[in-house]
Structures are given as structure tokens and as C-alpha cells.
Amino acid sequence: MRIRNGDAVALGPGKVDLLEAIREHGSISAAARSLDMSYRRAWLLIDELNRSTAHCG
């Protein structure tokens, strides 16, 4: 399942996995390592999530 906001994917499986890993590991950097992802990629995904949901509600 994916939730879109215009052309951006506001929330999808990859972002959900990242959010769960952040909850489990306590930081973006530890979550990124656990998912074999660069910190920059993780940060960009979280930034995209924040931007795409900032005007919701």
C-alpha cells in the first residue's frame, strides 16, 4: 500500500520499514545501518515524509 500526495509517495513500504527501524534502534543512523541504507538516504526519506504530510489534516 502507498499513500500519495501529488507525485510524491507520502508513505509506502520502505518508509514504514524505516520508521519501524527508527523506533527499534532509536536513531536514524542506527536504523539506516540496520536496513543497509545510507544515512543520507534515510534522512531524505524522512524529510520527504515530513514534507508530504506537513499540510495534511
PDB file of N, CA and C in Angstrom:
ATOM      1  N   MET A   1       0.837  -1.169   0.000  1.00  0.00           N
ATOM      2  CA  MET A   1       0.000   0.000   0.000  1.00  0.00           C
ATOM      3  C   MET A   1       0.888   1.240   0.000  1.00  0.00           C
ATOM      4  N   ARG A   2       0.452   2.234  -0.728  1.00  0.00           N
ATOM      5  CA  ARG A   2       1.161   3.506  -0.778  1.00  0.00           C
ATOM      6  C   ARG A   2       0.159   4.639  -0.625  1.00  0.00           C
ATOM      7  N   ILE A   3       0.564   5.672   0.081  1.00  0.00           N
ATOM      8  CA  ILE A   3      -0.247   6.873   0.204  1.00  0.00           C
ATOM      9  C   ILE A   3       0.494   7.963  -0.542  1.00  0.00           C
ATOM     10  N   ARG A   4      -0.172   8.551  -1.501  1.00  0.00           N
ATOM     11  CA  ARG A   4       0.459   9.580  -2.334  1.00  0.00           C
ATOM     12  C   ARG A   4      -0.066  10.958  -1.968  1.00  0.00           C
ATOM     13  N   ASN A   5       0.804  11.929  -2.154  1.00  0.00           N
ATOM     14  CA  ASN A   5       0.437  13.331  -2.039  1.00  0.00           C
ATOM     15  C   ASN A   5       0.983  13.987  -3.297  1.00  0.00           C
ATOM     16  N   GLY A   6       0.135  14.133  -4.301  1.00  0.00           N
ATOM     17  CA  GLY A   6       0.600  14.586  -5.605  1.00  0.00           C
ATOM     18  C   GLY A   6       1.453  13.497  -6.228  1.00  0.00           C
ATOM     19  N   ASP A   7       2.634  13.858  -6.677  1.00  0.00           N
ATOM     20  CA  ASP A   7       3.555  12.894  -7.283  1.00  0.00           C
ATOM     21  C   ASP A   7       4.397  12.155  -6.253  1.00  0.00           C
ATOM     22  N   ALA A   8       4.455  12.679  -5.045  1.00  0.00           N
ATOM     23  CA  ALA A   8       5.299  12.079  -4.011  1.00  0.00           C
ATOM     24  C   ALA A   8       4.578  10.925  -3.312  1.00  0.00           C
ATOM     25  N   VAL A   9       5.352   9.899  -2.969  1.00  0.00           N
ATOM     26  CA  VAL A   9       4.820   8.825  -2.137  1.00  0.00           C
ATOM     27  C   VAL A   9       5.002   9.285  -0.696  1.00  0.00           C
ATOM     28  N   ALA A  10       3.909   9.686  -0.065  1.00  0.00           N
ATOM     29  CA  ALA A  10       3.980  10.179   1.313  1.00  0.00           C
ATOM     30  C   ALA A  10       4.346   9.053   2.265  1.00  0.00           C
ATOM     31  N   LEU A  11       3.781   7.875   2.023  1.00  0.00           N
ATOM     32  CA  LEU A  11       4.060   6.740   2.885  1.00  0.00           C
ATOM     33  C   LEU A  11       3.929   5.462   2.087  1.00  0.00           C
ATOM     34  N   GLY A  12       4.959   4.649   2.142  1.00  0.00           N
ATOM     35  CA  GLY A  12       4.968   3.366   1.453  1.00  0.00           C
ATOM     36  C   GLY A  12       5.759   2.361   2.266  1.00  0.00           C
ATOM     37  N   PRO A  13       5.921   1.171   1.743  1.00  0.00           N
ATOM     38  CA  PRO A  13       6.591   0.106   2.497  1.00  0.00           C
ATOM     39  C   PRO A  13       8.005   0.458   2.973  1.00  0.00           C
ATOM     40  N   GLY A  14       8.776   1.128   2.152  1.00  0.00           N
ATOM     41  CA  GLY A  14      10.142   1.484   2.544  1.00  0.00           C
ATOM     42  C   GLY A  14      10.177   2.468   3.699  1.00  0.00           C
ATOM     43  N   LYS A  15       9.294   3.449   3.664  1.00  0.00           N
ATOM     44  CA  LYS A  15       9.247   4.436   4.745  1.00  0.00           C
ATOM     45  C   LYS A  15       8.711   3.806   6.021  1.00  0.00           C
ATOM     46  N   VAL A  16       7.751   2.908   5.888  1.00  0.00           N
ATOM     47  CA  VAL A  16       7.240   2.205   7.064  1.00  0.00           C
ATOM     48  C   VAL A  16       8.356   1.374   7.690  1.00  0.00           C
ATOM     49  N   ASP A  17       9.115   0.647   6.861  1.00  0.00           N
ATOM     50  CA  ASP A  17      10.246  -0.138   7.376  1.00  0.00           C
ATOM     51  C   ASP A  17      11.239   0.762   8.105  1.00  0.00           C
ATOM     52  N   LEU A  18      11.518   1.924   7.513  1.00  0.00           N
ATOM     53  CA  LEU A  18      12.462   2.853   8.129  1.00  0.00           C
ATOM     54  C   LEU A  18      11.915   3.372   9.458  1.00  0.00           C
ATOM     55  N   LEU A  19      10.653   3.758   9.506  1.00  0.00           N
ATOM     56  CA  LEU A  19      10.061   4.244  10.751  1.00  0.00           C
ATOM     57  C   LEU A  19      10.095   3.176  11.841  1.00  0.00           C
ATOM     58  N   GLU A  20       9.800   1.946  11.465  1.00  0.00           N
ATOM     59  CA  GLU A  20       9.859   0.852  12.443  1.00  0.00           C
ATOM     60  C   GLU A  20      11.288   0.633  12.953  1.00  0.00           C
ATOM     61  N   ALA A  21      12.250   0.739  12.043  1.00  0.00           N
ATOM     62  CA  ALA A  21      13.648   0.571  12.436  1.00  0.00           C
ATOM     63  C   ALA A  21      14.100   1.719  13.344  1.00  0.00           C
ATOM     64  N   ILE A  22      13.629   2.937  13.083  1.00  0.00           N
ATOM     65  CA  ILE A  22      13.963   4.070  13.948  1.00  0.00           C
ATOM     66  C   ILE A  22      13.399   3.831  15.347  1.00  0.00           C
ATOM     67  N   ARG A  23      12.162   3.348  15.405  1.00  0.00           N
ATOM     68  CA  ARG A  23      11.557   3.050  16.709  1.00  0.00           C
ATOM     69  C   ARG A  23      12.375   1.980  17.440  1.00  0.00           C
ATOM     70  N   GLU A  24      12.771   0.957  16.708  1.00  0.00           N
ATOM     71  CA  GLU A  24      13.502  -0.160  17.314  1.00  0.00           C
ATOM     72  C   GLU A  24      14.908   0.225  17.759  1.00  0.00           C
ATOM     73  N   HIS A  25      15.599   1.005  16.922  1.00  0.00           N
ATOM     74  CA  HIS A  25      17.014   1.292  17.172  1.00  0.00           C
ATOM     75  C   HIS A  25      17.263   2.665  17.807  1.00  0.00           C
ATOM     76  N   GLY A  26      16.256   3.532  17.786  1.00  0.00           N
ATOM     77  CA  GLY A  26      16.367   4.793  18.493  1.00  0.00           C
ATOM     78  C   GLY A  26      16.990   5.956  17.752  1.00  0.00           C
ATOM     79  N   SER A  27      17.450   5.741  16.528  1.00  0.00           N
ATOM     80  CA  SER A  27      18.023   6.855  15.764  1.00  0.00           C
ATOM     81  C   SER A  27      17.948   6.555  14.272  1.00  0.00           C
ATOM     82  N   ILE A  28      18.031   7.615  13.483  1.00  0.00           N
ATOM     83  CA  ILE A  28      18.025   7.446  12.031  1.00  0.00           C
ATOM     84  C   ILE A  28      19.275   6.702  11.585  1.00  0.00           C
ATOM     85  N   SER A  29      20.421   7.048  12.152  1.00  0.00           N
ATOM     86  CA  SER A  29      21.662   6.413  11.701  1.00  0.00           C
ATOM     87  C   SER A  29      21.677   4.914  12.022  1.00  0.00           C
ATOM     88  N   ALA A  30      21.229   4.532  13.211  1.00  0.00           N
ATOM     89  CA  ALA A  30      21.193   3.111  13.565  1.00  0.00           C
ATOM     90  C   ALA A  30      20.161   2.370  12.718  1.00  0.00           C
ATOM     91  N   ALA A  31      19.035   3.018  12.469  1.00  0.00           N
ATOM     92  CA  ALA A  31      18.005   2.410  11.625  1.00  0.00           C
ATOM     93  C   ALA A  31      18.536   2.204  10.211  1.00  0.00           C
ATOM     94  N   ALA A  32      19.203   3.205   9.677  1.00  0.00           N
ATOM     95  CA  ALA A  32      19.755   3.099   8.325  1.00  0.00           C
ATOM     96  C   ALA A  32      20.752   1.944   8.242  1.00  0.00           C
ATOM     97  N   ARG A  33      21.627   1.835   9.222  1.00  0.00           N
ATOM     98  CA  ARG A  33      22.595   0.729   9.232  1.00  0.00           C
ATOM     99  C   ARG A  33      21.875  -0.615   9.260  1.00  0.00           C
ATOM    100  N   SER A  34      20.825  -0.718  10.049  1.00  0.00           N
ATOM    101  CA  SER A  34      20.112  -1.997  10.162  1.00  0.00           C
ATOM    102  C   SER A  34      19.421  -2.384   8.866  1.00  0.00           C
ATOM    103  N   LEU A  35      19.110  -1.389   8.043  1.00  0.00           N
ATOM    104  CA  LEU A  35      18.449  -1.638   6.758  1.00  0.00           C
ATOM    105  C   LEU A  35      19.440  -1.617   5.595  1.00  0.00           C
ATOM    106  N   ASP A  36      20.743  -1.538   5.901  1.00  0.00           N
ATOM    107  CA  ASP A  36      21.792  -1.452   4.876  1.00  0.00           C
ATOM    108  C   ASP A  36      21.529  -0.281   3.937  1.00  0.00           C
ATOM    109  N   MET A  37      21.240   0.871   4.540  1.00  0.00           N
ATOM    110  CA  MET A  37      20.888   2.084   3.806  1.00  0.00           C
ATOM    111  C   MET A  37      21.824   3.195   4.279  1.00  0.00           C
ATOM    112  N   SER A  38      22.150   4.113   3.411  1.00  0.00           N
ATOM    113  CA  SER A  38      22.990   5.227   3.836  1.00  0.00           C
ATOM    114  C   SER A  38      22.177   6.157   4.737  1.00  0.00           C
ATOM    115  N   TYR A  39      22.893   6.860   5.611  1.00  0.00           N
ATOM    116  CA  TYR A  39      22.229   7.831   6.473  1.00  0.00           C
ATOM    117  C   TYR A  39      21.542   8.883   5.617  1.00  0.00           C
ATOM    118  N   ARG A  40      22.213   9.323   4.568  1.00  0.00           N
ATOM    119  CA  ARG A  40      21.634  10.362   3.701  1.00  0.00           C
ATOM    120  C   ARG A  40      20.317   9.896   3.097  1.00  0.00           C
ATOM    121  N   ARG A  41      20.272   8.669   2.602  1.00  0.00           N
ATOM    122  CA  ARG A  41      19.040   8.132   2.009  1.00  0.00           C
ATOM    123  C   ARG A  41      17.923   8.080   3.057  1.00  0.00           C
ATOM    124  N   ALA A  42      18.258   7.615   4.253  1.00  0.00           N
ATOM    125  CA  ALA A  42      17.265   7.547   5.327  1.00  0.00           C
ATOM    126  C   ALA A  42      16.758   8.949   5.669  1.00  0.00           C
ATOM    127  N   TRP A  43      17.679   9.892   5.794  1.00  0.00           N
ATOM    128  CA  TRP A  43      17.298  11.258   6.132  1.00  0.00           C
ATOM    129  C   TRP A  43      16.402  11.839   5.047  1.00  0.00           C
ATOM    130  N   LEU A  44      16.734  11.588   3.783  1.00  0.00           N
ATOM    131  CA  LEU A  44      15.911  12.101   2.682  1.00  0.00           C
ATOM    132  C   LEU A  44      14.511  11.491   2.694  1.00  0.00           C
ATOM    133  N   LEU A  45      14.408  10.209   3.020  1.00  0.00           N
ATOM    134  CA  LEU A  45      13.090   9.574   3.109  1.00  0.00           C
ATOM    135  C   LEU A  45      12.254  10.199   4.225  1.00  0.00           C
ATOM    136  N   ILE A  46      12.872  10.442   5.373  1.00  0.00           N
ATOM    137  CA  ILE A  46      12.154  11.072   6.490  1.00  0.00           C
ATOM    138  C   ILE A  46      11.777  12.504   6.131  1.00  0.00           C
ATOM    139  N   ASP A  47      12.670  13.218   5.482  1.00  0.00           N
ATOM    140  CA  ASP A  47      12.373  14.588   5.053  1.00  0.00           C
ATOM    141  C   ASP A  47      11.204  14.599   4.072  1.00  0.00           C
ATOM    142  N   GLU A  48      11.204  13.682   3.117  1.00  0.00           N
ATOM    143  CA  GLU A  48      10.104  13.591   2.151  1.00  0.00           C
ATOM    144  C   GLU A  48       8.786  13.272   2.867  1.00  0.00           C
ATOM    145  N   LEU A  49       8.843  12.364   3.831  1.00  0.00           N
ATOM    146  CA  LEU A  49       7.663  12.028   4.622  1.00  0.00           C
ATOM    147  C   LEU A  49       7.145  13.266   5.347  1.00  0.00           C
ATOM    148  N   ASN A  50       8.025  13.992   5.990  1.00  0.00           N
ATOM    149  CA  ASN A  50       7.622  15.208   6.707  1.00  0.00           C
ATOM    150  C   ASN A  50       7.023  16.247   5.770  1.00  0.00           C
ATOM    151  N   ARG A  51       7.659  16.471   4.636  1.00  0.00           N
ATOM    152  CA  ARG A  51       7.167  17.473   3.686  1.00  0.00           C
ATOM    153  C   ARG A  51       5.819  17.084   3.086  1.00  0.00           C
ATOM    154  N   SER A  52       5.651  15.820   2.778  1.00  0.00           N
ATOM    155  CA  SER A  52       4.432  15.394   2.105  1.00  0.00           C
ATOM    156  C   SER A  52       3.239  15.310   3.058  1.00  0.00           C
ATOM    157  N   THR A  53       3.503  15.271   4.354  1.00  0.00           N
ATOM    158  CA  THR A  53       2.396  15.192   5.314  1.00  0.00           C
ATOM    159  C   THR A  53       2.227  16.480   6.118  1.00  0.00           C
ATOM    160  N   ALA A  54       3.049  17.472   5.861  1.00  0.00           N
ATOM    161  CA  ALA A  54       3.021  18.721   6.637  1.00  0.00           C
ATOM    162  C   ALA A  54       1.690  19.445   6.495  1.00  0.00           C
ATOM    163  N   HIS A  55       1.041  19.328   5.368  1.00  0.00           N
ATOM    164  CA  HIS A  55      -0.195  20.077   5.127  1.00  0.00           C
ATOM    165  C   HIS A  55      -1.425  19.193   5.173  1.00  0.00           C
ATOM    166  N   CYS A  56      -1.284  18.005   5.727  1.00  0.00           N
ATOM    167  CA  CYS A  56      -2.422  17.085   5.843  1.00  0.00           C
ATOM    168  C   CYS A  56      -3.215  17.424   7.097  1.00  0.00           C
ATOM    169  N   GLY A  57      -4.489  17.140   7.030  1.00  0.00           N
ATOM    170  CA  GLY A  57      -5.298  17.236   8.225  1.00  0.00           C
ATOM    171  C   GLY A  57      -6.011  18.505   8.359  1.00  0.00           C
TER     172      GLY A  57
END
